Amino acid sequence: MRGSGLVRADGLNSKGIMEQKKYGCHNRAPFKPSLQVQDGWQTSAGQNGEVVRLAVMKTIPFKMTTDCNYTLTELGQSDQRCAGCSWKSQAPAQALAA
């Protein structure tokens, strides 16, 4: 690990200096426009007469915001772990003053 620049599980690099990792959402792929969800069960008879339950699935649109709401806060605007993220929002001045 010497000189590799890798960060250990405890957050320390090979020199024993604490390094902050980027958040899991940093430059993540865009959300899909829809998703599959379960919408109940359908029962039917199997080959040997046993009852078989099958999940009924349906497609619904993705309705959450795709923007980062954390970076709309004062804390999020100054968080260095968000630096360079493509999803970082620029907070309007009145939002930070509230």
N, C-alpha and C. Protein backbone atom coordinates (compact mmCIF):
# COMPACT_ATOMS: atom_id res chain seq x y z
N MET A 1 0.81 -1.18 0.00
CA MET A 1 0.00 0.00 0.00
C MET A 1 0.86 1.25 0.00
N ARG A 2 2.13 1.12 0.27
CA ARG A 2 3.05 2.26 0.34
C ARG A 2 3.10 2.99 -0.99
N GLY A 3 2.80 4.30 -0.94
CA GLY A 3 2.88 5.12 -2.13
C GLY A 3 1.74 4.91 -3.12
N SER A 4 0.78 4.09 -2.77
CA SER A 4 -0.29 3.80 -3.72
C SER A 4 -1.36 4.88 -3.75
N GLY A 5 -1.45 5.68 -2.70
CA GLY A 5 -2.48 6.72 -2.63
C GLY A 5 -3.84 6.18 -2.26
N LEU A 6 -3.94 4.90 -1.94
CA LEU A 6 -5.21 4.30 -1.56
C LEU A 6 -5.62 4.76 -0.16
N VAL A 7 -6.92 4.82 0.06
CA VAL A 7 -7.45 5.18 1.36
C VAL A 7 -7.96 3.91 2.02
N ARG A 8 -7.54 3.67 3.26
CA ARG A 8 -7.97 2.48 3.99
C ARG A 8 -9.41 2.65 4.45
N ALA A 9 -9.99 1.56 4.95
CA ALA A 9 -11.37 1.59 5.42
C ALA A 9 -11.57 2.57 6.56
N ASP A 10 -10.52 2.84 7.35
CA ASP A 10 -10.65 3.78 8.47
C ASP A 10 -10.50 5.23 8.03
N GLY A 11 -10.34 5.48 6.71
CA GLY A 11 -10.25 6.83 6.18
C GLY A 11 -8.85 7.40 6.14
N LEU A 12 -7.85 6.64 6.61
CA LEU A 12 -6.48 7.14 6.60
C LEU A 12 -5.76 6.66 5.35
N ASN A 13 -4.92 7.52 4.78
CA ASN A 13 -4.14 7.09 3.63
C ASN A 13 -2.86 6.41 4.12
N SER A 14 -1.96 6.08 3.21
CA SER A 14 -0.75 5.34 3.58
C SER A 14 0.18 6.13 4.48
N LYS A 15 0.01 7.45 4.54
CA LYS A 15 0.83 8.29 5.41
C LYS A 15 0.15 8.56 6.75
N GLY A 16 -1.01 7.97 6.97
CA GLY A 16 -1.73 8.16 8.22
C GLY A 16 -2.52 9.45 8.28
N ILE A 17 -2.73 10.08 7.14
CA ILE A 17 -3.47 11.34 7.09
C ILE A 17 -4.92 11.04 6.70
N MET A 18 -5.85 11.64 7.44
CA MET A 18 -7.27 11.44 7.16
C MET A 18 -7.64 12.10 5.84
N GLU A 19 -8.25 11.33 4.96
CA GLU A 19 -8.72 11.85 3.68
C GLU A 19 -10.22 11.66 3.61
N GLN A 20 -10.92 12.67 3.12
CA GLN A 20 -12.36 12.58 2.98
C GLN A 20 -12.70 12.03 1.60
N LYS A 21 -13.54 11.02 1.58
CA LYS A 21 -13.99 10.44 0.33
C LYS A 21 -15.17 11.26 -0.17
N LYS A 22 -15.38 11.23 -1.48
CA LYS A 22 -16.55 11.88 -2.06
C LYS A 22 -17.79 11.09 -1.65
N TYR A 23 -18.94 11.75 -1.65
CA TYR A 23 -20.20 11.08 -1.35
C TYR A 23 -20.55 10.11 -2.47
N GLY A 24 -21.39 9.12 -2.17
CA GLY A 24 -21.80 8.14 -3.17
C GLY A 24 -22.58 8.74 -4.32
N CYS A 25 -23.20 9.88 -4.09
CA CYS A 25 -23.99 10.54 -5.14
C CYS A 25 -23.13 11.40 -6.05
N HIS A 26 -21.84 11.55 -5.75
CA HIS A 26 -20.94 12.44 -6.51
C HIS A 26 -20.85 11.98 -7.96
N ASN A 27 -21.30 12.83 -8.86
CA ASN A 27 -21.28 12.57 -10.31
C ASN A 27 -21.93 11.24 -10.68
N ARG A 28 -22.98 10.88 -9.95
CA ARG A 28 -23.70 9.63 -10.24
C ARG A 28 -24.35 9.69 -11.62
N ALA A 29 -24.75 8.56 -12.11
CA ALA A 29 -25.48 8.51 -13.38
C ALA A 29 -26.86 9.15 -13.17
N PRO A 30 -27.45 9.71 -14.21
CA PRO A 30 -28.79 10.30 -14.07
C PRO A 30 -29.81 9.23 -13.70
N PHE A 31 -30.86 9.65 -13.01
CA PHE A 31 -31.93 8.72 -12.67
C PHE A 31 -32.66 8.30 -13.94
N LYS A 32 -33.22 7.09 -13.94
CA LYS A 32 -34.03 6.62 -15.05
C LYS A 32 -35.38 7.33 -15.01
N PRO A 33 -36.04 7.53 -16.15
CA PRO A 33 -37.32 8.26 -16.17
C PRO A 33 -38.48 7.48 -15.55
N SER A 34 -38.34 6.16 -15.40
CA SER A 34 -39.40 5.35 -14.81
C SER A 34 -38.79 4.15 -14.09
N LEU A 35 -39.61 3.48 -13.27
CA LEU A 35 -39.13 2.29 -12.57
C LEU A 35 -40.24 1.27 -12.42
N GLN A 36 -39.85 0.02 -12.24
CA GLN A 36 -40.78 -1.08 -12.06
C GLN A 36 -41.05 -1.27 -10.57
N VAL A 37 -42.31 -1.34 -10.17
CA VAL A 37 -42.69 -1.57 -8.78
C VAL A 37 -43.74 -2.68 -8.72
N GLN A 38 -43.82 -3.30 -7.56
CA GLN A 38 -44.81 -4.35 -7.38
C GLN A 38 -46.16 -3.72 -7.08
N ASP A 39 -47.22 -4.28 -7.70
CA ASP A 39 -48.58 -3.78 -7.53
C ASP A 39 -49.51 -4.95 -7.18
N GLY A 40 -49.16 -5.69 -6.15
CA GLY A 40 -50.00 -6.79 -5.69
C GLY A 40 -49.51 -8.16 -6.14
N TRP A 41 -50.41 -9.12 -5.97
CA TRP A 41 -50.11 -10.51 -6.30
C TRP A 41 -51.19 -11.08 -7.19
N GLN A 42 -50.82 -12.05 -8.00
CA GLN A 42 -51.76 -12.81 -8.81
C GLN A 42 -51.58 -14.28 -8.44
N THR A 43 -52.66 -14.96 -8.14
CA THR A 43 -52.56 -16.38 -7.79
C THR A 43 -53.05 -17.23 -8.95
N SER A 44 -52.43 -18.37 -9.10
CA SER A 44 -52.85 -19.32 -10.12
C SER A 44 -52.51 -20.72 -9.65
N ALA A 45 -53.03 -21.70 -10.35
CA ALA A 45 -52.77 -23.09 -9.99
C ALA A 45 -51.54 -23.58 -10.74
N GLY A 46 -50.63 -24.22 -10.00
CA GLY A 46 -49.43 -24.78 -10.60
C GLY A 46 -49.72 -26.10 -11.28
N GLN A 47 -48.68 -26.77 -11.78
CA GLN A 47 -48.83 -28.03 -12.50
C GLN A 47 -49.41 -29.14 -11.62
N ASN A 48 -49.06 -29.15 -10.35
CA ASN A 48 -49.54 -30.20 -9.45
C ASN A 48 -50.74 -29.74 -8.62
N GLY A 49 -51.39 -28.66 -9.01
CA GLY A 49 -52.56 -28.17 -8.30
C GLY A 49 -52.23 -27.25 -7.13
N GLU A 50 -50.94 -27.02 -6.87
CA GLU A 50 -50.58 -26.12 -5.78
C GLU A 50 -50.84 -24.67 -6.19
N VAL A 51 -51.06 -23.82 -5.20
CA VAL A 51 -51.30 -22.40 -5.45
C VAL A 51 -49.96 -21.70 -5.65
N VAL A 52 -49.86 -20.95 -6.73
CA VAL A 52 -48.63 -20.22 -7.05
C VAL A 52 -48.97 -18.73 -7.03
N ARG A 53 -48.16 -17.96 -6.30
CA ARG A 53 -48.34 -16.50 -6.28
C ARG A 53 -47.28 -15.84 -7.14
N LEU A 54 -47.73 -14.98 -8.03
CA LEU A 54 -46.82 -14.24 -8.90
C LEU A 54 -46.98 -12.75 -8.62
N ALA A 55 -45.87 -12.05 -8.55
CA ALA A 55 -45.91 -10.61 -8.33
C ALA A 55 -46.44 -9.91 -9.57
N VAL A 56 -47.35 -8.97 -9.37
CA VAL A 56 -47.85 -8.13 -10.46
C VAL A 56 -47.00 -6.86 -10.46
N MET A 57 -46.37 -6.56 -11.58
CA MET A 57 -45.48 -5.41 -11.68
C MET A 57 -46.10 -4.36 -12.59
N LYS A 58 -45.77 -3.10 -12.31
CA LYS A 58 -46.20 -2.03 -13.19
C LYS A 58 -45.09 -0.98 -13.26
N THR A 59 -45.13 -0.18 -14.31
CA THR A 59 -44.14 0.88 -14.51
C THR A 59 -44.74 2.20 -14.05
N ILE A 60 -43.96 2.93 -13.23
CA ILE A 60 -44.40 4.25 -12.79
C ILE A 60 -43.32 5.27 -13.14
N PRO A 61 -43.71 6.54 -13.34
CA PRO A 61 -42.70 7.57 -13.65
C PRO A 61 -41.90 7.94 -12.41
N PHE A 62 -40.66 8.34 -12.61
CA PHE A 62 -39.80 8.82 -11.54
C PHE A 62 -40.19 10.27 -11.27
N LYS A 63 -40.58 10.59 -10.01
CA LYS A 63 -41.09 11.92 -9.72
C LYS A 63 -40.22 12.73 -8.76
N MET A 64 -39.16 12.15 -8.23
CA MET A 64 -38.30 12.92 -7.32
C MET A 64 -37.50 13.95 -8.11
N THR A 65 -37.01 14.95 -7.42
CA THR A 65 -36.18 15.95 -8.08
C THR A 65 -34.84 15.32 -8.46
N THR A 66 -34.31 15.73 -9.58
CA THR A 66 -33.01 15.21 -9.99
C THR A 66 -31.88 16.11 -9.50
N ASP A 67 -32.24 17.29 -8.99
CA ASP A 67 -31.24 18.23 -8.48
C ASP A 67 -30.82 17.85 -7.07
N CYS A 68 -29.65 18.30 -6.66
CA CYS A 68 -29.15 18.05 -5.31
C CYS A 68 -29.71 19.11 -4.37
N ASN A 69 -30.54 18.70 -3.43
CA ASN A 69 -31.11 19.65 -2.47
C ASN A 69 -30.15 19.94 -1.32
N TYR A 70 -29.21 19.04 -1.05
CA TYR A 70 -28.24 19.29 0.03
C TYR A 70 -27.40 20.52 -0.29
N THR A 71 -27.02 20.69 -1.55
CA THR A 71 -26.18 21.83 -1.90
C THR A 71 -26.96 23.13 -1.97
N LEU A 72 -28.26 23.10 -1.74
CA LEU A 72 -29.05 24.33 -1.63
C LEU A 72 -28.94 24.92 -0.23
N THR A 73 -28.38 24.18 0.71
CA THR A 73 -28.21 24.66 2.08
C THR A 73 -26.85 25.33 2.24
N GLU A 74 -26.71 26.12 3.29
CA GLU A 74 -25.43 26.78 3.55
C GLU A 74 -24.32 25.74 3.79
N LEU A 75 -24.65 24.70 4.53
CA LEU A 75 -23.68 23.64 4.79
C LEU A 75 -23.26 22.94 3.50
N GLY A 76 -24.23 22.64 2.65
CA GLY A 76 -23.94 21.98 1.38
C GLY A 76 -23.13 22.83 0.43
N GLN A 77 -23.32 24.15 0.47
CA GLN A 77 -22.55 25.04 -0.39
C GLN A 77 -21.07 25.07 -0.02
N SER A 78 -20.77 24.83 1.27
CA SER A 78 -19.38 24.89 1.71
C SER A 78 -18.74 23.51 1.88
N ASP A 79 -19.48 22.44 1.63
CA ASP A 79 -18.98 21.08 1.82
C ASP A 79 -17.97 20.73 0.72
N GLN A 80 -16.72 20.53 1.09
CA GLN A 80 -15.66 20.24 0.12
C GLN A 80 -15.84 18.88 -0.56
N ARG A 81 -16.60 17.98 0.06
CA ARG A 81 -16.82 16.67 -0.55
C ARG A 81 -17.76 16.76 -1.74
N CYS A 82 -18.41 17.90 -1.91
CA CYS A 82 -19.30 18.13 -3.05
C CYS A 82 -18.59 18.88 -4.19
N ALA A 83 -17.37 19.32 -3.95
CA ALA A 83 -16.65 20.12 -4.94
C ALA A 83 -16.51 19.36 -6.25
N GLY A 84 -16.86 20.01 -7.34
CA GLY A 84 -16.72 19.42 -8.66
C GLY A 84 -17.84 18.48 -9.07
N CYS A 85 -18.84 18.30 -8.24
CA CYS A 85 -19.94 17.39 -8.59
C CYS A 85 -20.84 18.03 -9.64
N SER A 86 -21.23 17.25 -10.62
CA SER A 86 -22.08 17.76 -11.69
C SER A 86 -23.50 18.04 -11.21
N TRP A 87 -23.91 17.50 -10.06
CA TRP A 87 -25.26 17.70 -9.55
C TRP A 87 -25.35 18.83 -8.53
N LYS A 88 -24.23 19.47 -8.21
CA LYS A 88 -24.22 20.54 -7.23
C LYS A 88 -25.05 21.72 -7.74
N SER A 89 -25.96 22.20 -6.90
CA SER A 89 -26.82 23.33 -7.25
C SER A 89 -26.23 24.62 -6.69
N GLN A 90 -26.41 25.69 -7.40
CA GLN A 90 -26.02 26.99 -6.91
C GLN A 90 -27.22 27.57 -6.17
N ALA A 91 -27.06 27.78 -4.86
CA ALA A 91 -28.17 28.26 -4.04
C ALA A 91 -28.38 29.74 -4.25
N PRO A 92 -29.64 30.16 -4.42
CA PRO A 92 -29.91 31.59 -4.50
C PRO A 92 -29.64 32.25 -3.16
N ALA A 93 -29.22 33.50 -3.16
CA ALA A 93 -28.83 34.20 -1.94
C ALA A 93 -29.96 34.24 -0.92
N GLN A 94 -31.22 34.40 -1.33
CA GLN A 94 -32.31 34.46 -0.38
C GLN A 94 -32.55 33.10 0.30
N ALA A 95 -32.24 32.00 -0.37
CA ALA A 95 -32.40 30.69 0.25
C ALA A 95 -31.39 30.49 1.37
N LEU A 96 -30.17 30.99 1.20
CA LEU A 96 -29.15 30.87 2.23
C LEU A 96 -29.43 31.78 3.42
N ALA A 97 -30.10 32.92 3.19
CA ALA A 97 -30.37 33.87 4.25
C ALA A 97 -31.53 33.42 5.13
N ALA A 98 -32.38 32.54 4.62
CA ALA A 98 -33.56 32.10 5.37
C ALA A 98 -33.24 31.21 6.53
